[in-house]
Amino acid sequence: MTGRTFRYGPAGVLLAMLFAASGIASETAVTESSNGQLLNGDPVITKLKPERKGGRGFKLVYSVDASVDAFWKFKTDFDSPLLLRNKLISSHRLVSRADNVVVTETEYSHRPSAVFRWQTTVFPEQHLLRYELLNPQECGQKYHYGYIQLEALDSGTRVNQVTYFDFFGASVWVNYPFKGGMSQVLKYTAGWEQEFISQFGYQYQD
C-alpha cells in the first residue's frame, strides 16, 4: 500500500539531525493546498499533529486519471505482482483474506531485513481502507496506522491518505526536505500510482 514505513530514512537522513525541527505543527502545509494542484496532478502534503504522544502524522491528497471504481479495484488488488514495479517495494505477498480483513507482508528497499505485516480492513461501500502495522516492534516502530479514502471527481478520483506513526528518527524524516525525506517519498508514491494507473488502468476497467 501507499502507507510507507520507515524506522529512519536512508543514511543521509541522519545528517538532518542538525536541521530537524523540535516539533510539528498541526495541519502545517508542506505543499500549498489548492484545487489547481490536484487538477495538475501535484500531490498536496500536510503534516498532522500526532494522535498519540510522541508520534507524527501526515495527510497526502492527490488525484488520478481513473474512475473511482477502477482505482478502487487497483487499491484492493492485494496480490498483484505489478506492485513490485514500485522501486520502494522489494517483495509483497497476500497472507490471508477473511471477509473484509486482509493481511499482507511487504519488504521495503530501505530495510530489506524487516517484513512489515499489514492488516487492512476494506469498506467497499465507502471506498475506504483502514490499515495497521501488526508487528511494529519487529520493524523498529511503536505504531503505524491510518486510512485511505477515495472520492469520485468529475474527471478522475481524489485519493486522501492519513497516516500516524512513531519510530526513532520520525521527526527527522518528516522534516527532511531532500531525497529520502517524507515529502520526497510521498511525492514519488503518488506519482508512481498516477503513472501506473495510466499504463495499466485498463486491467481494472469493467
N, C-alpha and C. Protein backbone atom coordinates (compact mmCIF):
# COMPACT_ATOMS: atom_id res chain seq x y z
N MET A 1 0.83 -1.17 0.00
CA MET A 1 0.00 0.00 0.00
C MET A 1 0.87 1.23 0.00
N THR A 2 -0.01 2.44 -0.09
CA THR A 2 0.74 3.65 -0.19
C THR A 2 1.29 4.07 1.13
N GLY A 3 0.89 3.55 2.32
CA GLY A 3 1.36 3.97 3.59
C GLY A 3 2.74 3.49 3.84
N ARG A 4 3.85 4.27 3.56
CA ARG A 4 5.22 3.84 3.65
C ARG A 4 5.69 3.85 5.08
N THR A 5 6.62 2.94 5.45
CA THR A 5 7.02 2.77 6.83
C THR A 5 8.53 2.85 6.95
N PHE A 6 9.03 3.75 7.80
CA PHE A 6 10.45 3.92 7.97
C PHE A 6 10.83 3.92 9.44
N ARG A 7 11.81 3.15 9.78
CA ARG A 7 12.38 3.31 11.12
C ARG A 7 13.19 4.59 11.12
N TYR A 8 13.97 4.79 10.11
CA TYR A 8 14.62 6.06 9.81
C TYR A 8 14.88 6.03 8.32
N GLY A 9 15.10 7.17 7.74
CA GLY A 9 15.30 7.24 6.31
C GLY A 9 16.66 6.71 5.93
N PRO A 10 17.05 6.86 4.64
CA PRO A 10 18.37 6.47 4.20
C PRO A 10 19.44 7.17 5.04
N ALA A 11 20.68 6.70 4.89
CA ALA A 11 21.75 7.19 5.75
C ALA A 11 21.85 8.71 5.76
N GLY A 12 21.59 9.31 4.61
CA GLY A 12 21.70 10.76 4.53
C GLY A 12 20.72 11.48 5.43
N VAL A 13 19.61 10.84 5.72
CA VAL A 13 18.61 11.46 6.56
C VAL A 13 19.14 11.71 7.97
N LEU A 14 20.05 10.85 8.41
CA LEU A 14 20.59 11.01 9.76
C LEU A 14 21.31 12.33 9.91
N LEU A 15 21.85 12.84 8.80
CA LEU A 15 22.53 14.13 8.86
C LEU A 15 21.56 15.25 9.16
N ALA A 16 20.30 14.99 8.90
CA ALA A 16 19.30 16.03 9.10
C ALA A 16 19.03 16.31 10.57
N MET A 17 19.66 15.53 11.47
CA MET A 17 19.54 15.82 12.88
C MET A 17 19.96 17.26 13.17
N LEU A 18 20.84 17.78 12.35
CA LEU A 18 21.30 19.15 12.54
C LEU A 18 20.22 20.16 12.21
N PHE A 19 19.25 19.73 11.38
CA PHE A 19 18.24 20.66 10.90
C PHE A 19 16.83 20.32 11.38
N ALA A 20 16.69 19.23 12.12
CA ALA A 20 15.35 18.76 12.48
C ALA A 20 14.65 19.78 13.37
N ALA A 21 13.38 19.99 13.09
CA ALA A 21 12.58 20.88 13.92
C ALA A 21 12.28 20.20 15.24
N SER A 22 12.07 21.01 16.26
CA SER A 22 11.84 20.43 17.58
C SER A 22 10.43 19.89 17.72
N GLY A 23 9.51 20.31 16.87
CA GLY A 23 8.14 19.82 16.97
C GLY A 23 7.50 19.82 15.61
N ILE A 24 6.20 19.57 15.61
CA ILE A 24 5.46 19.53 14.35
C ILE A 24 4.12 20.21 14.56
N ALA A 25 3.81 21.18 13.76
CA ALA A 25 2.58 21.94 13.92
C ALA A 25 1.39 21.18 13.36
N SER A 26 0.25 21.40 13.93
CA SER A 26 -0.96 20.76 13.44
C SER A 26 -1.38 21.36 12.11
N GLU A 27 -1.61 20.46 11.13
CA GLU A 27 -2.10 20.86 9.83
C GLU A 27 -1.19 21.91 9.17
N THR A 28 0.14 21.74 9.30
CA THR A 28 1.07 22.65 8.65
C THR A 28 1.31 22.18 7.23
N ALA A 29 0.93 22.98 6.25
CA ALA A 29 1.03 22.55 4.86
C ALA A 29 2.47 22.54 4.41
N VAL A 30 2.92 21.42 3.84
CA VAL A 30 4.23 21.32 3.24
C VAL A 30 4.15 21.86 1.82
N THR A 31 3.07 21.54 1.15
CA THR A 31 2.84 22.00 -0.21
C THR A 31 1.55 22.80 -0.22
N GLU A 32 1.50 23.88 -0.96
CA GLU A 32 0.31 24.73 -0.99
C GLU A 32 -0.90 23.92 -1.43
N SER A 33 -1.94 23.94 -0.60
CA SER A 33 -3.14 23.16 -0.89
C SER A 33 -4.05 23.98 -1.77
N SER A 34 -4.36 23.44 -2.94
CA SER A 34 -5.27 24.13 -3.84
C SER A 34 -5.86 23.12 -4.81
N ASN A 35 -7.06 23.46 -5.31
CA ASN A 35 -7.69 22.60 -6.29
C ASN A 35 -6.87 22.56 -7.57
N GLY A 36 -6.20 23.67 -7.86
CA GLY A 36 -5.37 23.72 -9.05
C GLY A 36 -4.26 22.69 -9.02
N GLN A 37 -3.66 22.49 -7.84
CA GLN A 37 -2.59 21.50 -7.70
C GLN A 37 -3.12 20.11 -8.03
N LEU A 38 -4.28 19.78 -7.48
CA LEU A 38 -4.84 18.45 -7.69
C LEU A 38 -5.19 18.25 -9.16
N LEU A 39 -5.73 19.29 -9.79
CA LEU A 39 -6.07 19.19 -11.20
C LEU A 39 -4.82 18.99 -12.05
N ASN A 40 -3.71 19.57 -11.60
CA ASN A 40 -2.46 19.42 -12.33
C ASN A 40 -1.77 18.10 -12.00
N GLY A 41 -2.31 17.35 -11.06
CA GLY A 41 -1.72 16.08 -10.70
C GLY A 41 -0.70 16.16 -9.59
N ASP A 42 -0.48 17.36 -9.04
CA ASP A 42 0.51 17.52 -7.98
C ASP A 42 -0.08 17.13 -6.64
N PRO A 43 0.63 16.33 -5.85
CA PRO A 43 0.12 15.94 -4.54
C PRO A 43 0.18 17.08 -3.54
N VAL A 44 -0.72 17.08 -2.60
CA VAL A 44 -0.74 18.04 -1.50
C VAL A 44 -0.40 17.28 -0.22
N ILE A 45 0.65 17.71 0.45
CA ILE A 45 1.13 17.02 1.65
C ILE A 45 0.98 17.95 2.85
N THR A 46 0.37 17.44 3.91
CA THR A 46 0.16 18.22 5.13
C THR A 46 0.70 17.45 6.32
N LYS A 47 1.49 18.11 7.15
CA LYS A 47 1.94 17.49 8.40
C LYS A 47 0.81 17.57 9.41
N LEU A 48 0.58 16.48 10.11
CA LEU A 48 -0.50 16.42 11.09
C LEU A 48 0.05 16.29 12.50
N LYS A 49 -0.64 16.91 13.43
CA LYS A 49 -0.31 16.74 14.83
C LYS A 49 -0.63 15.31 15.23
N PRO A 50 0.25 14.66 15.96
CA PRO A 50 0.02 13.24 16.28
C PRO A 50 -1.20 13.02 17.16
N GLU A 51 -1.84 11.87 16.96
CA GLU A 51 -2.96 11.49 17.81
C GLU A 51 -2.47 10.97 19.15
N ARG A 52 -1.25 10.43 19.15
CA ARG A 52 -0.68 9.88 20.38
C ARG A 52 0.59 10.65 20.72
N LYS A 53 0.97 10.66 21.98
CA LYS A 53 2.16 11.37 22.43
C LYS A 53 3.41 10.81 21.76
N GLY A 54 4.21 11.69 21.20
CA GLY A 54 5.49 11.28 20.63
C GLY A 54 5.45 10.87 19.18
N GLY A 55 4.27 10.80 18.57
CA GLY A 55 4.18 10.34 17.20
C GLY A 55 4.18 11.47 16.19
N ARG A 56 4.03 11.10 14.95
CA ARG A 56 3.96 12.05 13.84
C ARG A 56 2.84 11.60 12.90
N GLY A 57 2.50 12.45 11.95
CA GLY A 57 1.45 12.09 11.01
C GLY A 57 1.50 12.94 9.76
N PHE A 58 0.78 12.50 8.75
CA PHE A 58 0.68 13.28 7.52
C PHE A 58 -0.65 13.01 6.83
N LYS A 59 -1.03 13.94 5.99
CA LYS A 59 -2.16 13.75 5.09
C LYS A 59 -1.65 13.97 3.68
N LEU A 60 -1.90 13.00 2.83
CA LEU A 60 -1.48 13.06 1.43
C LEU A 60 -2.74 13.05 0.56
N VAL A 61 -2.87 14.05 -0.31
CA VAL A 61 -4.02 14.15 -1.20
C VAL A 61 -3.51 14.30 -2.63
N TYR A 62 -4.05 13.48 -3.54
CA TYR A 62 -3.68 13.59 -4.94
C TYR A 62 -4.81 13.04 -5.80
N SER A 63 -4.76 13.32 -7.08
CA SER A 63 -5.80 12.85 -7.99
C SER A 63 -5.20 11.90 -9.01
N VAL A 64 -6.02 10.99 -9.50
CA VAL A 64 -5.59 10.04 -10.53
C VAL A 64 -6.60 10.07 -11.67
N ASP A 65 -6.11 9.78 -12.86
CA ASP A 65 -6.96 9.81 -14.05
C ASP A 65 -7.60 8.44 -14.25
N ALA A 66 -8.53 8.12 -13.37
CA ALA A 66 -9.25 6.85 -13.44
C ALA A 66 -10.53 7.00 -12.63
N SER A 67 -11.54 6.25 -13.00
CA SER A 67 -12.79 6.30 -12.24
C SER A 67 -12.56 5.75 -10.84
N VAL A 68 -13.42 6.13 -9.91
CA VAL A 68 -13.25 5.68 -8.54
C VAL A 68 -13.39 4.16 -8.45
N ASP A 69 -14.25 3.57 -9.27
CA ASP A 69 -14.43 2.11 -9.24
C ASP A 69 -13.18 1.39 -9.75
N ALA A 70 -12.60 1.93 -10.83
CA ALA A 70 -11.39 1.31 -11.39
C ALA A 70 -10.22 1.44 -10.42
N PHE A 71 -10.07 2.62 -9.81
CA PHE A 71 -8.94 2.81 -8.89
C PHE A 71 -9.14 2.01 -7.61
N TRP A 72 -10.38 1.83 -7.20
CA TRP A 72 -10.67 1.01 -6.03
C TRP A 72 -10.23 -0.43 -6.28
N LYS A 73 -10.49 -0.93 -7.48
CA LYS A 73 -10.06 -2.28 -7.82
C LYS A 73 -8.54 -2.40 -7.75
N PHE A 74 -7.84 -1.37 -8.19
CA PHE A 74 -6.37 -1.37 -8.09
C PHE A 74 -5.93 -1.38 -6.63
N LYS A 75 -6.51 -0.52 -5.81
CA LYS A 75 -6.09 -0.41 -4.42
C LYS A 75 -6.42 -1.67 -3.62
N THR A 76 -7.37 -2.44 -4.08
CA THR A 76 -7.74 -3.67 -3.36
C THR A 76 -7.23 -4.93 -4.05
N ASP A 77 -6.34 -4.75 -5.01
CA ASP A 77 -5.70 -5.89 -5.68
C ASP A 77 -4.44 -6.24 -4.88
N PHE A 78 -4.65 -6.89 -3.73
CA PHE A 78 -3.59 -7.05 -2.75
C PHE A 78 -2.49 -8.03 -3.15
N ASP A 79 -2.74 -8.87 -4.12
CA ASP A 79 -1.72 -9.85 -4.51
C ASP A 79 -1.19 -9.59 -5.92
N SER A 80 -1.31 -8.37 -6.39
CA SER A 80 -0.84 -8.04 -7.74
C SER A 80 0.68 -8.03 -7.81
N PRO A 81 1.28 -8.78 -8.74
CA PRO A 81 2.75 -8.75 -8.91
C PRO A 81 3.23 -7.42 -9.48
N LEU A 82 2.32 -6.63 -10.03
CA LEU A 82 2.70 -5.34 -10.60
C LEU A 82 3.15 -4.35 -9.53
N LEU A 83 2.82 -4.62 -8.26
CA LEU A 83 3.25 -3.73 -7.19
C LEU A 83 4.77 -3.67 -7.09
N LEU A 84 5.44 -4.72 -7.56
CA LEU A 84 6.90 -4.76 -7.49
C LEU A 84 7.54 -3.81 -8.49
N ARG A 85 6.75 -3.17 -9.32
CA ARG A 85 7.29 -2.13 -10.20
C ARG A 85 7.65 -0.88 -9.41
N ASN A 86 7.09 -0.75 -8.23
CA ASN A 86 7.42 0.36 -7.34
C ASN A 86 8.81 0.12 -6.75
N LYS A 87 9.74 1.04 -6.97
CA LYS A 87 11.13 0.83 -6.55
C LYS A 87 11.30 0.78 -5.04
N LEU A 88 10.30 1.23 -4.30
CA LEU A 88 10.39 1.20 -2.84
C LEU A 88 10.00 -0.15 -2.26
N ILE A 89 9.42 -1.02 -3.09
CA ILE A 89 8.95 -2.33 -2.62
C ILE A 89 9.86 -3.44 -3.14
N SER A 90 10.42 -4.22 -2.23
CA SER A 90 11.30 -5.33 -2.61
C SER A 90 10.52 -6.63 -2.79
N SER A 91 9.53 -6.86 -1.94
CA SER A 91 8.69 -8.06 -2.05
C SER A 91 7.34 -7.78 -1.43
N HIS A 92 6.36 -8.54 -1.87
CA HIS A 92 5.00 -8.33 -1.36
C HIS A 92 4.20 -9.61 -1.57
N ARG A 93 3.41 -10.00 -0.57
CA ARG A 93 2.57 -11.17 -0.74
C ARG A 93 1.31 -11.05 0.10
N LEU A 94 0.25 -11.65 -0.41
CA LEU A 94 -1.01 -11.74 0.31
C LEU A 94 -0.94 -12.92 1.25
N VAL A 95 -1.17 -12.68 2.55
CA VAL A 95 -1.10 -13.74 3.55
C VAL A 95 -2.46 -14.38 3.77
N SER A 96 -3.48 -13.55 3.95
CA SER A 96 -4.81 -14.09 4.21
C SER A 96 -5.88 -13.05 3.87
N ARG A 97 -7.06 -13.57 3.64
CA ARG A 97 -8.22 -12.71 3.40
C ARG A 97 -9.43 -13.38 4.05
N ALA A 98 -10.05 -12.71 5.01
CA ALA A 98 -11.23 -13.24 5.70
C ALA A 98 -12.27 -12.14 5.77
N ASP A 99 -13.38 -12.35 5.07
CA ASP A 99 -14.42 -11.33 4.97
C ASP A 99 -13.79 -10.04 4.42
N ASN A 100 -13.84 -8.96 5.20
CA ASN A 100 -13.29 -7.70 4.70
C ASN A 100 -11.94 -7.35 5.32
N VAL A 101 -11.27 -8.35 5.91
CA VAL A 101 -9.97 -8.12 6.55
C VAL A 101 -8.88 -8.86 5.76
N VAL A 102 -7.87 -8.11 5.37
CA VAL A 102 -6.78 -8.65 4.55
C VAL A 102 -5.45 -8.46 5.29
N VAL A 103 -4.61 -9.48 5.25
CA VAL A 103 -3.27 -9.38 5.83
C VAL A 103 -2.25 -9.58 4.72
N THR A 104 -1.29 -8.67 4.64
CA THR A 104 -0.22 -8.75 3.64
C THR A 104 1.13 -8.59 4.32
N GLU A 105 2.16 -9.06 3.64
CA GLU A 105 3.54 -8.87 4.12
C GLU A 105 4.35 -8.20 3.02
N THR A 106 5.09 -7.15 3.41
CA THR A 106 5.85 -6.36 2.45
C THR A 106 7.24 -6.10 2.99
N GLU A 107 8.23 -6.23 2.10
CA GLU A 107 9.60 -5.81 2.41
C GLU A 107 9.89 -4.57 1.57
N TYR A 108 10.54 -3.59 2.18
CA TYR A 108 10.84 -2.34 1.51
C TYR A 108 12.34 -2.22 1.25
N SER A 109 12.67 -1.51 0.20
CA SER A 109 14.07 -1.42 -0.23
C SER A 109 14.95 -0.74 0.79
N HIS A 110 14.37 0.14 1.61
CA HIS A 110 15.20 0.85 2.60
C HIS A 110 15.59 -0.04 3.77
N ARG A 111 14.83 -1.14 3.98
CA ARG A 111 15.12 -2.03 5.12
C ARG A 111 14.69 -3.45 4.77
N PRO A 112 15.44 -4.10 3.89
CA PRO A 112 15.05 -5.42 3.39
C PRO A 112 15.06 -6.53 4.44
N SER A 113 15.68 -6.29 5.59
CA SER A 113 15.75 -7.33 6.61
C SER A 113 14.48 -7.44 7.42
N ALA A 114 13.55 -6.48 7.26
CA ALA A 114 12.31 -6.48 8.04
C ALA A 114 11.12 -6.79 7.15
N VAL A 115 10.21 -7.60 7.68
CA VAL A 115 8.98 -7.92 6.97
C VAL A 115 7.84 -7.18 7.68
N PHE A 116 7.20 -6.28 6.97
CA PHE A 116 6.12 -5.47 7.53
C PHE A 116 4.79 -6.20 7.28
N ARG A 117 4.14 -6.58 8.37
CA ARG A 117 2.87 -7.30 8.26
C ARG A 117 1.72 -6.30 8.49
N TRP A 118 0.96 -6.06 7.42
CA TRP A 118 -0.13 -5.09 7.45
C TRP A 118 -1.49 -5.78 7.51
N GLN A 119 -2.37 -5.23 8.32
CA GLN A 119 -3.76 -5.65 8.32
C GLN A 119 -4.60 -4.51 7.75
N THR A 120 -5.35 -4.79 6.71
CA THR A 120 -6.19 -3.79 6.06
C THR A 120 -7.64 -4.22 6.12
N THR A 121 -8.49 -3.33 6.61
CA THR A 121 -9.92 -3.58 6.65
C THR A 121 -10.56 -2.80 5.51
N VAL A 122 -11.33 -3.51 4.70
CA VAL A 122 -11.88 -2.96 3.46
C VAL A 122 -13.36 -2.61 3.64
N PHE A 123 -13.72 -1.38 3.28
CA PHE A 123 -15.11 -0.93 3.34
C PHE A 123 -15.53 -0.50 1.93
N PRO A 124 -16.00 -1.45 1.12
CA PRO A 124 -16.28 -1.17 -0.30
C PRO A 124 -17.29 -0.05 -0.54
N GLU A 125 -18.35 -0.02 0.27
CA GLU A 125 -19.40 0.97 0.03
C GLU A 125 -18.90 2.40 0.22
N GLN A 126 -17.90 2.58 1.10
CA GLN A 126 -17.34 3.92 1.34
C GLN A 126 -16.05 4.16 0.58
N HIS A 127 -15.60 3.14 -0.18
CA HIS A 127 -14.28 3.23 -0.84
C HIS A 127 -13.22 3.64 0.19
N LEU A 128 -13.21 2.91 1.30
CA LEU A 128 -12.36 3.23 2.44
C LEU A 128 -11.51 2.01 2.83
N LEU A 129 -10.23 2.26 3.08
CA LEU A 129 -9.30 1.24 3.57
C LEU A 129 -8.70 1.73 4.89
N ARG A 130 -8.78 0.91 5.92
CA ARG A 130 -8.12 1.23 7.18
C ARG A 130 -7.01 0.20 7.41
N TYR A 131 -5.80 0.67 7.65
CA TYR A 131 -4.67 -0.24 7.77
C TYR A 131 -3.89 0.00 9.07
N GLU A 132 -3.22 -1.07 9.50
CA GLU A 132 -2.43 -1.02 10.73
C GLU A 132 -1.27 -1.99 10.61
N LEU A 133 -0.11 -1.58 11.09
CA LEU A 133 1.06 -2.46 11.14
C LEU A 133 0.91 -3.39 12.33
N LEU A 134 0.89 -4.70 12.07
CA LEU A 134 0.66 -5.68 13.13
C LEU A 134 1.90 -6.00 13.95
N ASN A 135 3.07 -5.81 13.36
CA ASN A 135 4.32 -6.16 14.07
C ASN A 135 5.25 -4.95 14.16
N PRO A 136 4.81 -3.87 14.78
CA PRO A 136 5.61 -2.65 14.80
C PRO A 136 6.98 -2.82 15.45
N GLN A 137 7.06 -3.56 16.55
CA GLN A 137 8.34 -3.69 17.24
C GLN A 137 9.38 -4.39 16.36
N GLU A 138 8.95 -5.39 15.60
CA GLU A 138 9.86 -6.09 14.71
C GLU A 138 10.38 -5.17 13.60
N CYS A 139 9.66 -4.11 13.33
CA CYS A 139 10.02 -3.17 12.26
C CYS A 139 10.57 -1.87 12.80
N GLY A 140 10.92 -1.86 14.10
CA GLY A 140 11.51 -0.67 14.69
C GLY A 140 10.53 0.46 14.91
N GLN A 141 9.26 0.12 15.10
CA GLN A 141 8.22 1.14 15.26
C GLN A 141 7.51 0.97 16.60
N LYS A 142 6.84 2.03 17.02
CA LYS A 142 5.95 1.94 18.16
C LYS A 142 4.52 1.68 17.70
N TYR A 143 4.13 2.36 16.63
CA TYR A 143 2.84 2.11 16.00
C TYR A 143 2.85 2.73 14.61
N HIS A 144 1.94 2.26 13.77
CA HIS A 144 1.79 2.81 12.41
C HIS A 144 0.42 2.39 11.91
N TYR A 145 -0.44 3.36 11.65
CA TYR A 145 -1.80 3.05 11.21
C TYR A 145 -2.36 4.25 10.44
N GLY A 146 -3.46 4.02 9.74
CA GLY A 146 -4.08 5.12 9.01
C GLY A 146 -5.20 4.63 8.12
N TYR A 147 -5.58 5.49 7.18
CA TYR A 147 -6.66 5.10 6.26
C TYR A 147 -6.45 5.76 4.90
N ILE A 148 -7.10 5.18 3.90
CA ILE A 148 -7.13 5.73 2.54
C ILE A 148 -8.59 5.84 2.13
N GLN A 149 -9.00 7.02 1.73
CA GLN A 149 -10.38 7.28 1.32
C GLN A 149 -10.37 7.78 -0.12
N LEU A 150 -11.16 7.13 -0.98
CA LEU A 150 -11.28 7.54 -2.37
C LEU A 150 -12.57 8.34 -2.57
N GLU A 151 -12.47 9.41 -3.40
CA GLU A 151 -13.63 10.23 -3.71
C GLU A 151 -13.71 10.42 -5.22
N ALA A 152 -14.91 10.25 -5.76
CA ALA A 152 -15.11 10.45 -7.19
C ALA A 152 -15.09 11.93 -7.53
N LEU A 153 -14.35 12.29 -8.58
CA LEU A 153 -14.33 13.64 -9.11
C LEU A 153 -15.09 13.66 -10.43
N ASP A 154 -15.33 14.85 -10.96
CA ASP A 154 -15.98 14.94 -12.27
C ASP A 154 -15.16 14.20 -13.32
N SER A 155 -13.84 14.29 -13.16
CA SER A 155 -12.93 13.57 -14.06
C SER A 155 -11.82 12.95 -13.22
N GLY A 156 -11.95 11.67 -12.92
CA GLY A 156 -10.92 11.00 -12.14
C GLY A 156 -11.33 10.73 -10.71
N THR A 157 -10.32 10.53 -9.87
CA THR A 157 -10.52 10.16 -8.47
C THR A 157 -9.57 10.94 -7.57
N ARG A 158 -10.08 11.38 -6.46
CA ARG A 158 -9.27 12.04 -5.43
C ARG A 158 -8.91 10.99 -4.38
N VAL A 159 -7.64 10.93 -4.03
CA VAL A 159 -7.15 9.99 -3.02
C VAL A 159 -6.75 10.77 -1.77
N ASN A 160 -7.32 10.40 -0.64
CA ASN A 160 -6.99 11.02 0.64
C ASN A 160 -6.37 9.96 1.55
N GLN A 161 -5.14 10.15 1.93
CA GLN A 161 -4.48 9.21 2.83
C GLN A 161 -4.02 9.93 4.08
N VAL A 162 -4.38 9.40 5.23
CA VAL A 162 -3.96 9.94 6.53
C VAL A 162 -3.23 8.84 7.28
N THR A 163 -2.04 9.14 7.77
CA THR A 163 -1.22 8.13 8.45
C THR A 163 -0.62 8.72 9.72
N TYR A 164 -0.58 7.90 10.77
CA TYR A 164 0.08 8.26 12.03
C TYR A 164 1.09 7.18 12.36
N PHE A 165 2.25 7.59 12.90
CA PHE A 165 3.33 6.64 13.15
C PHE A 165 4.27 7.19 14.21
N ASP A 166 5.09 6.30 14.75
CA ASP A 166 6.14 6.71 15.69
C ASP A 166 7.28 5.72 15.59
N PHE A 167 8.47 6.23 15.37
CA PHE A 167 9.68 5.41 15.32
C PHE A 167 10.88 6.32 15.55
N PHE A 168 12.01 5.75 15.86
CA PHE A 168 13.22 6.54 16.11
C PHE A 168 13.59 7.30 14.84
N GLY A 169 13.75 8.62 14.97
CA GLY A 169 14.08 9.45 13.82
C GLY A 169 12.88 9.94 13.05
N ALA A 170 11.66 9.75 13.58
CA ALA A 170 10.45 10.15 12.84
C ALA A 170 10.43 11.64 12.57
N SER A 171 10.78 12.46 13.56
CA SER A 171 10.74 13.90 13.35
C SER A 171 11.77 14.34 12.33
N VAL A 172 12.89 13.62 12.26
CA VAL A 172 13.91 13.92 11.25
C VAL A 172 13.37 13.63 9.87
N TRP A 173 12.79 12.45 9.71
CA TRP A 173 12.26 12.05 8.40
C TRP A 173 11.16 13.00 7.93
N VAL A 174 10.28 13.38 8.84
CA VAL A 174 9.16 14.26 8.49
C VAL A 174 9.66 15.62 8.00
N ASN A 175 10.71 16.14 8.61
CA ASN A 175 11.17 17.48 8.30
C ASN A 175 12.32 17.55 7.29
N TYR A 176 12.87 16.41 6.92
CA TYR A 176 13.99 16.38 5.98
C TYR A 176 13.48 16.73 4.58
N PRO A 177 13.96 17.82 3.95
CA PRO A 177 13.38 18.30 2.69
C PRO A 177 13.97 17.68 1.44
N PHE A 178 14.98 16.80 1.59
CA PHE A 178 15.68 16.30 0.42
C PHE A 178 15.31 14.83 0.14
N LYS A 179 16.03 14.23 -0.79
CA LYS A 179 15.77 12.85 -1.18
C LYS A 179 15.81 11.93 0.03
N GLY A 180 14.81 11.08 0.17
CA GLY A 180 14.72 10.18 1.31
C GLY A 180 13.83 10.69 2.41
N GLY A 181 13.51 12.00 2.41
CA GLY A 181 12.63 12.56 3.41
C GLY A 181 11.17 12.28 3.09
N MET A 182 10.30 12.59 4.04
CA MET A 182 8.88 12.26 3.88
C MET A 182 8.28 12.88 2.63
N SER A 183 8.53 14.15 2.41
CA SER A 183 7.93 14.84 1.27
C SER A 183 8.29 14.17 -0.06
N GLN A 184 9.58 13.85 -0.23
CA GLN A 184 10.02 13.24 -1.48
C GLN A 184 9.46 11.82 -1.65
N VAL A 185 9.40 11.07 -0.56
CA VAL A 185 8.86 9.70 -0.64
C VAL A 185 7.38 9.72 -1.01
N LEU A 186 6.62 10.63 -0.39
CA LEU A 186 5.19 10.70 -0.68
C LEU A 186 4.92 11.19 -2.10
N LYS A 187 5.73 12.13 -2.57
CA LYS A 187 5.58 12.61 -3.94
C LYS A 187 5.87 11.48 -4.93
N TYR A 188 6.90 10.69 -4.64
CA TYR A 188 7.20 9.55 -5.51
C TYR A 188 6.03 8.56 -5.51
N THR A 189 5.51 8.26 -4.32
CA THR A 189 4.44 7.28 -4.20
C THR A 189 3.20 7.72 -4.99
N ALA A 190 2.80 8.98 -4.83
CA ALA A 190 1.64 9.49 -5.56
C ALA A 190 1.90 9.47 -7.07
N GLY A 191 3.09 9.91 -7.47
CA GLY A 191 3.43 9.93 -8.89
C GLY A 191 3.48 8.54 -9.49
N TRP A 192 3.97 7.57 -8.70
CA TRP A 192 4.03 6.19 -9.19
C TRP A 192 2.62 5.66 -9.45
N GLU A 193 1.70 5.90 -8.52
CA GLU A 193 0.33 5.41 -8.70
C GLU A 193 -0.34 6.10 -9.89
N GLN A 194 -0.09 7.39 -10.06
CA GLN A 194 -0.67 8.11 -11.20
C GLN A 194 -0.17 7.52 -12.52
N GLU A 195 1.12 7.25 -12.59
CA GLU A 195 1.69 6.69 -13.81
C GLU A 195 1.23 5.25 -14.01
N PHE A 196 1.19 4.50 -12.93
CA PHE A 196 0.77 3.09 -13.02
C PHE A 196 -0.64 2.98 -13.58
N ILE A 197 -1.57 3.75 -13.03
CA ILE A 197 -2.96 3.62 -13.45
C ILE A 197 -3.15 4.10 -14.89
N SER A 198 -2.29 5.02 -15.33
CA SER A 198 -2.39 5.46 -16.72
C SER A 198 -1.92 4.37 -17.67
N GLN A 199 -0.99 3.51 -17.21
CA GLN A 199 -0.45 2.45 -18.06
C GLN A 199 -1.25 1.15 -17.95
N PHE A 200 -1.70 0.83 -16.75
CA PHE A 200 -2.32 -0.47 -16.52
C PHE A 200 -3.78 -0.37 -16.07
N GLY A 201 -4.35 0.83 -16.10
CA GLY A 201 -5.71 1.01 -15.64
C GLY A 201 -6.73 0.20 -16.41
N TYR A 202 -6.41 -0.12 -17.65
CA TYR A 202 -7.34 -0.92 -18.46
C TYR A 202 -7.63 -2.28 -17.82
N GLN A 203 -6.69 -2.78 -17.00
CA GLN A 203 -6.90 -4.07 -16.35
C GLN A 203 -7.99 -4.01 -15.28
N TYR A 204 -8.31 -2.79 -14.85
CA TYR A 204 -9.28 -2.63 -13.76
C TYR A 204 -10.59 -2.01 -14.24
N GLN A 205 -10.74 -1.90 -15.54
CA GLN A 205 -11.99 -1.41 -16.09
C GLN A 205 -13.02 -2.53 -16.13
N ASP A 206 -14.28 -2.16 -16.05
CA ASP A 206 -15.35 -3.17 -16.12
C ASP A 206 -15.38 -3.83 -17.49
